[in-house]
Amino acid sequence: MKVIGPNQIDYWYDVLAPQRGLKNRFGIRVADGRCSVLVQIGEEEPVTHGEAYPIPLSLESLSKYARMIVDAILLSDPNCDLADVLMGRKAVVSATIKVKRMAAGQSVSLSHAP
C-alpha cells in the first residue's frame, strides 16, 4: 500500500503484534531523491530510521533490515512500483496545480503526486 503525502510517498507493510495489543508498521519513505526505512509503533507518528539512501540504487546496497522490508512490500503487492522507483526506472513526479476560485478571484496551490 502506498500513501501519497505532499512531498513524499510512503510504502507500507503491516505487521501485527497482537500479543502486546500494538500495531506495528514498517515501510519505506521516498522523498527528495532518497529513501529511508519508516517505522510506526501503535498510534504514534511514523518516523524514519537509519540511513537515507540516494535514489537510484541497487537493491543489494540496502541494509539487511531495509531490504527485508522492501522484499516484504513487494511480495505482499506484486503490482507495487517500489522497486522501479528505487532503481530509478520510474520517476516520482510531484506537481503543483493552481486553482482559481471563481467567486473570490483568488489562486490556491494544491499539491498533487500521481
C-alpha atoms as a PDB file:
ATOM      1  CA  MET A   1       0.000   0.000   0.000  1.00  0.00           C
ATOM      2  CA  LYS A   2       1.286   3.475  -0.652  1.00  0.00           C
ATOM      3  CA  VAL A   3       0.182   6.689   0.944  1.00  0.00           C
ATOM      4  CA  ILE A   4       0.866   9.864  -1.001  1.00  0.00           C
ATOM      5  CA  GLY A   5       1.737  12.972   1.000  1.00  0.00           C
ATOM      6  CA  PRO A   6       2.623  16.454  -0.191  1.00  0.00           C
ATOM      7  CA  ASN A   7       6.372  15.780  -0.561  1.00  0.00           C
ATOM      8  CA  GLN A   8       6.671  12.043  -0.084  1.00  0.00           C
ATOM      9  CA  ILE A   9       5.370   8.590  -0.868  1.00  0.00           C
ATOM     10  CA  ASP A  10       5.181   6.019   1.913  1.00  0.00           C
ATOM     11  CA  TYR A  11       5.109   2.338   1.020  1.00  0.00           C
ATOM     12  CA  TRP A  12       3.802   0.278   3.967  1.00  0.00           C
ATOM     13  CA  TYR A  13       3.976  -3.329   5.060  1.00  0.00           C
ATOM     14  CA  ASP A  14       1.820  -4.086   8.100  1.00  0.00           C
ATOM     15  CA  VAL A  15       2.968  -6.398  10.874  1.00  0.00           C
ATOM     16  CA  LEU A  16       0.647  -7.127  13.766  1.00  0.00           C
ATOM     17  CA  ALA A  17       1.775  -7.757  17.330  1.00  0.00           C
ATOM     18  CA  PRO A  18      -1.466  -8.963  18.976  1.00  0.00           C
ATOM     19  CA  GLN A  19       0.327 -10.372  21.987  1.00  0.00           C
ATOM     20  CA  ARG A  20       1.085  -6.797  23.127  1.00  0.00           C
ATOM     21  CA  GLY A  21      -2.032  -5.200  21.678  1.00  0.00           C
ATOM     22  CA  LEU A  22       0.067  -2.960  19.415  1.00  0.00           C
ATOM     23  CA  LYS A  23       0.007  -2.497  15.698  1.00  0.00           C
ATOM     24  CA  ASN A  24       3.490  -2.002  14.331  1.00  0.00           C
ATOM     25  CA  ARG A  25       4.013  -0.824  10.785  1.00  0.00           C
ATOM     26  CA  PHE A  26       7.173  -0.899   8.738  1.00  0.00           C
ATOM     27  CA  GLY A  27       7.713   0.707   5.389  1.00  0.00           C
ATOM     28  CA  ILE A  28       9.878   2.740   3.055  1.00  0.00           C
ATOM     29  CA  ARG A  29       9.577   6.509   2.605  1.00  0.00           C
ATOM     30  CA  VAL A  30      10.616   8.015  -0.736  1.00  0.00           C
ATOM     31  CA  ALA A  31      11.199  11.782  -0.619  1.00  0.00           C
ATOM     32  CA  ASP A  32      13.591  14.270  -2.205  1.00  0.00           C
ATOM     33  CA  GLY A  33      15.520  11.681  -4.222  1.00  0.00           C
ATOM     34  CA  ARG A  34      16.207   9.491  -1.189  1.00  0.00           C
ATOM     35  CA  CYS A  35      14.585   6.559   0.590  1.00  0.00           C
ATOM     36  CA  SER A  36      14.501   5.654   4.277  1.00  0.00           C
ATOM     37  CA  VAL A  37      13.064   2.929   6.471  1.00  0.00           C
ATOM     38  CA  LEU A  38       9.802   4.035   8.063  1.00  0.00           C
ATOM     39  CA  VAL A  39       8.547   2.761  11.443  1.00  0.00           C
ATOM     40  CA  GLN A  40       5.257   3.349  13.234  1.00  0.00           C
ATOM     41  CA  ILE A  41       4.541   1.838  16.639  1.00  0.00           C
ATOM     42  CA  GLY A  42       0.954   1.883  17.817  1.00  0.00           C
ATOM     43  CA  GLU A  43      -0.745   5.211  17.257  1.00  0.00           C
ATOM     44  CA  GLU A  44       2.493   7.239  17.278  1.00  0.00           C
ATOM     45  CA  GLU A  45       3.553   9.291  14.255  1.00  0.00           C
ATOM     46  CA  PRO A  46       5.718   7.358  11.762  1.00  0.00           C
ATOM     47  CA  VAL A  47       9.442   8.115  11.945  1.00  0.00           C
ATOM     48  CA  THR A  48      12.345   7.335   9.649  1.00  0.00           C
ATOM     49  CA  HIS A  49      15.085   5.104  10.972  1.00  0.00           C
ATOM     50  CA  GLY A  50      18.699   4.599   9.975  1.00  0.00           C
ATOM     51  CA  GLU A  51      20.463   5.628   6.811  1.00  0.00           C
ATOM     52  CA  ALA A  52      18.778   7.551   3.977  1.00  0.00           C
ATOM     53  CA  TYR A  53      19.785   6.034   0.638  1.00  0.00           C
ATOM     54  CA  PRO A  54      20.125   8.110  -2.544  1.00  0.00           C
ATOM     55  CA  ILE A  55      17.951   7.063  -5.484  1.00  0.00           C
ATOM     56  CA  PRO A  56      18.692   5.401  -7.890  1.00  0.00           C
ATOM     57  CA  LEU A  57      20.181   2.475  -6.029  1.00  0.00           C
ATOM     58  CA  SER A  58      20.824  -1.213  -6.317  1.00  0.00           C
ATOM     59  CA  LEU A  59      18.509  -3.173  -4.008  1.00  0.00           C
ATOM     60  CA  GLU A  60      21.537  -5.175  -2.868  1.00  0.00           C
ATOM     61  CA  SER A  61      23.095  -1.982  -1.476  1.00  0.00           C
ATOM     62  CA  LEU A  62      20.346  -1.628   1.165  1.00  0.00           C
ATOM     63  CA  SER A  63      20.979  -2.758   4.732  1.00  0.00           C
ATOM     64  CA  LYS A  64      19.606  -6.195   5.599  1.00  0.00           C
ATOM     65  CA  TYR A  65      16.607  -4.843   7.501  1.00  0.00           C
ATOM     66  CA  ALA A  66      15.778  -2.286   4.779  1.00  0.00           C
ATOM     67  CA  ARG A  67      15.999  -4.995   2.118  1.00  0.00           C
ATOM     68  CA  MET A  68      13.722  -7.260   4.188  1.00  0.00           C
ATOM     69  CA  ILE A  69      11.096  -4.504   4.351  1.00  0.00           C
ATOM     70  CA  VAL A  70      11.340  -3.817   0.604  1.00  0.00           C
ATOM     71  CA  ASP A  71      11.048  -7.549  -0.141  1.00  0.00           C
ATOM     72  CA  ALA A  72       8.012  -7.895   2.173  1.00  0.00           C
ATOM     73  CA  ILE A  73       6.285  -4.946   0.483  1.00  0.00           C
ATOM     74  CA  LEU A  74       6.977  -6.348  -2.983  1.00  0.00           C
ATOM     75  CA  LEU A  75       5.817  -9.850  -2.007  1.00  0.00           C
ATOM     76  CA  SER A  76       2.593  -8.547  -0.475  1.00  0.00           C
ATOM     77  CA  ASP A  77       1.750  -6.412  -3.541  1.00  0.00           C
ATOM     78  CA  PRO A  78       3.013  -7.777  -6.877  1.00  0.00           C
ATOM     79  CA  ASN A  79       1.842  -4.621  -8.698  1.00  0.00           C
ATOM     80  CA  CYS A  80       3.822  -2.298  -6.414  1.00  0.00           C
ATOM     81  CA  ASP A  81       6.182   0.089  -8.207  1.00  0.00           C
ATOM     82  CA  LEU A  82       8.616   0.461  -5.278  1.00  0.00           C
ATOM     83  CA  ALA A  83      11.472  -1.489  -6.927  1.00  0.00           C
ATOM     84  CA  ASP A  84      11.165   0.582 -10.113  1.00  0.00           C
ATOM     85  CA  VAL A  85      11.184   3.819  -8.105  1.00  0.00           C
ATOM     86  CA  LEU A  86      14.205   2.804  -6.002  1.00  0.00           C
ATOM     87  CA  MET A  87      16.214   1.686  -9.043  1.00  0.00           C
ATOM     88  CA  GLY A  88      15.372   4.891 -10.922  1.00  0.00           C
ATOM     89  CA  ARG A  89      13.343   3.170 -13.655  1.00  0.00           C
ATOM     90  CA  LYS A  90      10.246   5.116 -12.629  1.00  0.00           C
ATOM     91  CA  ALA A  91      10.284   8.720 -11.505  1.00  0.00           C
ATOM     92  CA  VAL A  92       8.223  10.051  -8.656  1.00  0.00           C
ATOM     93  CA  VAL A  93       6.661  13.212 -10.003  1.00  0.00           C
ATOM     94  CA  SER A  94       5.113  15.823  -7.771  1.00  0.00           C
ATOM     95  CA  ALA A  95       3.163  18.652  -9.313  1.00  0.00           C
ATOM     96  CA  THR A  96       1.566  21.792  -8.017  1.00  0.00           C
ATOM     97  CA  ILE A  97      -1.760  22.690  -9.566  1.00  0.00           C
ATOM     98  CA  LYS A  98      -3.100  26.222  -9.413  1.00  0.00           C
ATOM     99  CA  VAL A  99      -6.840  26.515  -9.000  1.00  0.00           C
ATOM    100  CA  LYS A 100      -8.569  29.839  -9.349  1.00  0.00           C
ATOM    101  CA  ARG A 101     -11.567  30.474  -7.144  1.00  0.00           C
ATOM    102  CA  MET A 102     -14.110  31.989  -9.450  1.00  0.00           C
ATOM    103  CA  ALA A 103     -16.104  33.997  -6.917  1.00  0.00           C
ATOM    104  CA  ALA A 104     -13.217  35.433  -4.938  1.00  0.00           C
ATOM    105  CA  GLY A 105     -10.714  35.687  -7.813  1.00  0.00           C
ATOM    106  CA  GLN A 106      -8.010  34.101  -5.618  1.00  0.00           C
ATOM    107  CA  SER A 107      -5.455  31.485  -6.634  1.00  0.00           C
ATOM    108  CA  VAL A 108      -4.771  28.478  -4.447  1.00  0.00           C
ATOM    109  CA  SER A 109      -1.915  25.990  -4.937  1.00  0.00           C
ATOM    110  CA  LEU A 110      -2.674  22.318  -4.389  1.00  0.00           C
ATOM    111  CA  SER A 111      -0.021  19.632  -4.192  1.00  0.00           C
ATOM    112  CA  HIS A 112      -0.596  16.501  -6.222  1.00  0.00           C
ATOM    113  CA  ALA A 113       1.559  13.416  -6.723  1.00  0.00           C
ATOM    114  CA  PRO A 114       0.371  10.774  -9.233  1.00  0.00           C
END
